[in-house]
Protein backbone atom coordinates (compact mmCIF):
# COMPACT_ATOMS: atom_id res chain seq x y z
CA UNK A 1 0.95 24.33 20.56
CA UNK A 2 -0.75 27.31 18.98
CA UNK A 3 -1.34 28.80 15.54
CA UNK A 4 -2.42 32.35 14.81
CA UNK A 5 -5.08 32.80 12.13
CA UNK A 6 -6.55 35.95 10.60
CA UNK A 7 -9.95 36.28 8.91
CA UNK A 8 -9.49 36.82 5.20
CA UNK A 9 -13.09 37.99 4.80
CA UNK A 10 -12.26 40.92 7.09
CA UNK A 11 -9.16 41.50 4.96
CA UNK A 12 -11.29 41.69 1.82
CA UNK A 13 -13.91 43.93 3.42
CA UNK A 14 -11.42 46.35 4.98
CA UNK A 15 -8.79 46.31 2.24
CA UNK A 16 -6.02 45.57 4.72
CA UNK A 17 -5.13 42.82 7.21
CA UNK A 18 -7.31 42.79 10.31
CA UNK A 19 -5.72 43.53 13.66
CA UNK A 20 -7.75 40.67 15.07
CA UNK A 21 -5.73 37.46 15.31
CA UNK A 22 -7.26 34.20 16.49
CA UNK A 23 -5.17 31.67 18.38
CA UNK A 24 -6.00 28.00 17.88
CA UNK A 25 -4.47 24.71 18.96
CA UNK A 26 -2.81 22.42 16.43
CA UNK A 27 -5.25 19.85 15.04
CA UNK A 28 -4.41 16.48 13.54
CA UNK A 29 -6.50 17.14 10.42
CA UNK A 30 -4.88 20.58 9.84
CA UNK A 31 -8.33 22.24 9.57
CA UNK A 32 -9.32 25.15 11.83
CA UNK A 33 -12.86 26.52 12.23
CA UNK A 34 -13.49 29.92 13.80
CA UNK A 35 -15.92 32.83 13.92
CA UNK A 36 -14.38 36.32 14.01
CA UNK A 37 -15.80 39.31 15.93
CA UNK A 38 -17.66 40.40 12.78
CA UNK A 39 -19.47 37.07 12.55
CA UNK A 40 -17.50 35.68 9.60
CA UNK A 41 -17.28 31.90 9.83
CA UNK A 42 -14.17 30.43 8.24
CA UNK A 43 -12.54 27.04 7.91
CA UNK A 44 -8.80 27.27 7.35
CA UNK A 45 -6.54 24.48 6.12
CA UNK A 46 -2.83 24.54 6.93
CA UNK A 47 -0.81 23.84 3.78
CA UNK A 48 2.16 22.22 5.49
CA UNK A 49 2.54 18.45 5.34
CA UNK A 50 2.33 16.52 8.59
CA UNK A 51 6.05 15.70 8.62
CA UNK A 52 6.85 19.42 8.54
CA UNK A 53 4.56 20.09 11.52
CA UNK A 54 5.79 17.09 13.50
CA UNK A 55 9.43 18.09 13.14
CA UNK A 56 8.67 21.58 14.47
CA UNK A 57 6.78 20.04 17.40
CA UNK A 58 9.89 18.00 18.14
CA UNK A 59 12.11 21.05 17.89
CA UNK A 60 9.86 23.00 20.25
CA UNK A 61 9.86 20.12 22.72
CA UNK A 62 13.66 20.10 22.58
CA UNK A 63 13.80 23.84 23.27
CA UNK A 64 11.45 23.35 26.22
CA UNK A 65 13.53 20.52 27.67
CA UNK A 66 11.13 17.69 26.85
CA UNK A 67 13.68 15.42 25.27
CA UNK A 68 11.65 12.19 25.07
CA UNK A 69 8.78 14.06 23.40
CA UNK A 70 11.25 15.63 20.97
CA UNK A 71 12.62 12.24 19.93
CA UNK A 72 9.17 10.72 19.40
CA UNK A 73 8.15 13.71 17.25
CA UNK A 74 11.35 13.50 15.19
CA UNK A 75 10.75 9.78 14.66
CA UNK A 76 7.12 10.36 13.66
CA UNK A 77 8.20 13.15 11.31
CA UNK A 78 10.60 10.80 9.53
CA UNK A 79 7.93 8.11 9.14
CA UNK A 80 5.44 10.60 7.71
CA UNK A 81 8.12 11.96 5.38
CA UNK A 82 8.72 8.46 4.03
CA UNK A 83 4.99 8.23 3.35
CA UNK A 84 5.10 11.57 1.52
CA UNK A 85 8.17 10.47 -0.45
CA UNK A 86 6.42 7.28 -1.52
CA UNK A 87 3.36 9.22 -2.63
CA UNK A 88 5.42 11.66 -4.70
CA UNK A 89 7.16 8.83 -6.55
CA UNK A 90 3.95 6.86 -7.05
CA UNK A 91 2.41 9.97 -8.60
CA UNK A 92 5.47 10.11 -10.84
CA UNK A 93 4.69 6.53 -11.91
CA UNK A 94 1.06 7.48 -12.57
CA UNK A 95 -0.49 5.53 -9.69
CA UNK A 96 -3.93 6.94 -8.83
CA UNK A 97 -4.69 8.09 -5.30
CA UNK A 98 -7.37 5.48 -4.62
CA UNK A 99 -4.97 2.70 -5.60
CA UNK A 100 -2.25 4.20 -3.41
CA UNK A 101 -4.63 4.58 -0.45
CA UNK A 102 -5.78 0.98 -0.74
CA UNK A 103 -2.20 -0.31 -0.87
CA UNK A 104 -1.14 1.96 2.01
CA UNK A 105 -3.98 0.69 4.19
CA UNK A 106 -2.20 -2.68 4.39
CA UNK A 107 0.90 -1.13 5.99
CA UNK A 108 -0.51 2.00 7.66
CA UNK A 109 -0.09 0.58 11.18
CA UNK A 110 3.32 -1.04 10.64
CA UNK A 111 6.33 1.26 10.54
CA UNK A 112 8.78 -1.47 9.49
CA UNK A 113 6.68 -2.27 6.42
CA UNK A 114 6.47 1.42 5.62
CA UNK A 115 10.27 1.63 5.76
CA UNK A 116 10.44 -1.33 3.39
CA UNK A 117 8.02 0.39 1.04
CA UNK A 118 10.21 3.50 1.06
CA UNK A 119 13.38 1.46 0.40
CA UNK A 120 11.94 -0.20 -2.69
CA UNK A 121 10.21 2.97 -3.91
CA UNK A 122 13.55 4.77 -3.81
CA UNK A 123 15.20 1.89 -5.65
CA UNK A 124 12.49 1.98 -8.30
CA UNK A 125 13.23 5.67 -8.93
CA UNK A 126 17.04 5.25 -8.57
CA UNK A 127 17.76 1.76 -9.97
CA UNK A 128 21.54 2.18 -9.79
CA UNK A 129 21.69 3.71 -6.29
CA UNK A 130 21.50 2.43 -2.74
CA UNK A 131 18.52 3.70 -0.75
CA UNK A 132 19.61 6.25 1.88
CA UNK A 133 18.44 5.28 5.37
CA UNK A 134 19.73 6.27 8.81
CA UNK A 135 18.52 3.31 10.90
CA UNK A 136 22.04 1.96 11.38
CA UNK A 137 23.87 5.29 11.47
CA UNK A 138 25.41 6.81 14.60
CA UNK A 139 25.98 10.48 15.42
CA UNK A 140 29.10 11.96 16.97
CA UNK A 141 28.48 12.24 20.72
CA UNK A 142 30.98 14.19 22.82
CA UNK A 143 32.57 11.93 25.41
CA UNK A 144 31.09 8.73 23.96
CA UNK A 145 32.94 6.35 21.66
CA UNK A 146 31.33 5.16 18.47
CA UNK A 147 31.26 1.61 19.78
CA UNK A 148 29.09 2.71 22.71
CA UNK A 149 26.87 5.01 20.67
CA UNK A 150 23.45 3.70 19.72
CA UNK A 151 22.28 3.64 16.12
CA UNK A 152 19.28 5.81 15.28
CA UNK A 153 17.03 2.73 15.30
CA UNK A 154 18.27 1.53 18.69
CA UNK A 155 18.12 5.04 20.17
CA UNK A 156 14.59 5.63 18.89
CA UNK A 157 13.40 2.26 20.19
CA UNK A 158 15.02 2.84 23.57
CA UNK A 159 13.22 6.16 23.93
CA UNK A 160 9.86 5.15 22.48
CA UNK A 161 9.54 1.60 23.82
CA UNK A 162 11.88 1.27 26.81
CA UNK A 163 11.39 4.57 28.61
CA UNK A 164 14.95 5.80 28.03
CA UNK A 165 15.38 9.46 28.98
CA UNK A 166 17.86 11.09 26.57
CA UNK A 167 20.02 14.09 27.37
CA UNK A 168 19.69 17.35 25.48
CA UNK A 169 22.95 16.68 23.62
CA UNK A 170 21.78 13.22 22.55
CA UNK A 171 18.41 14.56 21.42
CA UNK A 172 20.09 17.31 19.41
CA UNK A 173 22.59 14.91 17.81
CA UNK A 174 19.98 12.36 16.74
CA UNK A 175 17.54 15.10 15.74
CA UNK A 176 20.26 16.54 13.52
CA UNK A 177 20.57 13.16 11.78
CA UNK A 178 16.86 13.14 11.00
CA UNK A 179 16.93 16.81 9.95
CA UNK A 180 19.75 16.31 7.45
CA UNK A 181 18.39 12.99 6.18
CA UNK A 182 14.99 14.47 5.37
CA UNK A 183 16.53 17.53 3.74
CA UNK A 184 18.83 15.36 1.64
CA UNK A 185 15.81 13.51 0.26
CA UNK A 186 13.78 16.71 -0.19
CA UNK A 187 16.60 18.22 -2.24
CA UNK A 188 16.76 15.04 -4.33
CA UNK A 189 13.02 15.24 -4.93
CA UNK A 190 13.29 18.89 -5.91
CA UNK A 191 16.03 18.04 -8.39
CA UNK A 192 14.45 14.94 -9.93
CA UNK A 193 10.73 15.11 -9.19
CA UNK A 194 9.77 18.72 -8.44
CA UNK A 195 6.68 18.54 -10.66
CA UNK A 196 5.37 15.65 -8.60
CA UNK A 197 5.98 17.40 -5.27
CA UNK A 198 3.59 20.03 -6.58
CA UNK A 199 1.07 17.42 -7.65
CA UNK A 200 1.24 15.71 -4.25
CA UNK A 201 0.64 19.06 -2.55
CA UNK A 202 -2.35 19.83 -4.77
CA UNK A 203 -3.70 16.34 -4.13
CA UNK A 204 -3.46 16.93 -0.38
CA UNK A 205 -5.14 20.35 -0.57
CA UNK A 206 -8.02 19.00 -2.65
CA UNK A 207 -8.52 15.94 -0.44
CA UNK A 208 -9.56 17.90 2.66
CA UNK A 209 -13.22 18.79 3.35
CA UNK A 210 -14.43 22.14 1.92
CA UNK A 211 -12.64 25.12 3.48
CA UNK A 212 -12.78 28.86 2.87
CA UNK A 213 -9.10 29.75 3.13
CA UNK A 214 -5.64 28.24 3.37
CA UNK A 215 -2.63 29.23 5.42
CA UNK A 216 1.10 28.62 5.17
CA UNK A 217 3.62 28.92 7.98
CA UNK A 218 7.39 28.75 8.14
CA UNK A 219 8.78 25.46 9.44
CA UNK A 220 12.30 24.19 10.06
CA UNK A 221 11.85 21.47 7.46
CA UNK A 222 10.08 22.91 4.45
CA UNK A 223 9.24 21.75 0.95
CA UNK A 224 9.25 25.32 -0.32
CA UNK A 225 12.13 26.84 1.65
CA UNK A 226 15.64 27.28 0.31
CA UNK A 227 19.03 27.89 1.94
CA UNK A 228 18.12 26.02 5.10
CA UNK A 229 20.68 25.92 7.93
CA UNK A 230 23.08 22.99 7.60
CA UNK A 231 22.78 22.06 11.28
CA UNK A 232 19.69 21.59 13.40
CA UNK A 233 21.41 23.60 16.12
CA UNK A 234 21.42 26.66 13.83
CA UNK A 235 17.84 26.06 12.72
CA UNK A 236 16.75 25.97 16.37
CA UNK A 237 18.06 29.49 16.87
CA UNK A 238 15.63 30.67 14.20
CA UNK A 239 12.74 28.81 15.78
CA UNK A 240 13.61 30.10 19.24
CA UNK A 241 12.78 33.63 18.14
CA UNK A 242 9.29 32.53 17.06
CA UNK A 243 8.64 30.04 19.88
CA UNK A 244 5.38 30.55 21.74
CA UNK A 245 3.21 31.89 18.92
CA UNK A 246 4.97 29.64 16.38
CA UNK A 247 4.43 32.09 13.54
CA UNK A 248 4.81 35.85 13.69
CA UNK A 249 3.21 36.56 10.30
CA UNK A 250 0.81 33.92 9.00
CA UNK A 251 0.30 33.86 5.24
CA UNK A 252 -3.37 33.26 4.54
CA UNK A 253 -5.43 33.33 1.36
CA UNK A 254 -9.01 32.65 0.41
CA UNK A 255 -9.57 29.51 -1.61
CA UNK A 256 -11.37 29.76 -4.92
């Protein structure tokens, strides 16, 4: 998967965006080093959280017909969103990053414990509400009764651990569950904890090694976007127009 990056030093020197666009592969650390044709060396950090990137990777895999890869990316996106959710709420409760990191290290390799951490973190912030989870929920599958439909947890485990090959309709239906679940929680965070979303984002941006510029891209699941499509199927139509280069107009800025 590719990103397109422009050199902001060229932008500053020329007074307008450079026609030169550099294509780079997605990196796990979200940091991209390049040297433009004018010799400017830049290190660019992508502002999007990992769960936003992972969900788009899953959506692209679905569009390309790689259904197992789509499901694993959707599942990974949900796990990383739970981690982000926990961090936002722990910031709200004034827990320092080093304390959070130390606690997280004990469950970083165990997804079930991470789910448990999310469940109790949500309860801490919503003491009179039940924690929303989708592990035991089932989508509507055409031609399949509810009794024969797998829960999200069983479906995910069948794909990830048992080699199950899902159909496109199954992948879309379960992906839609994840899509709406994450957006439900994002909208809750925006309503109740928007200040702390911002603080978590700043914390992430300041935790990366020194870089010269940052870049934001549009993603199907977005912390900053509004009026998102209600269904994943509709969101995929938007992505389909950008598929291949991923972003048509990257938004880049120099860091102070």
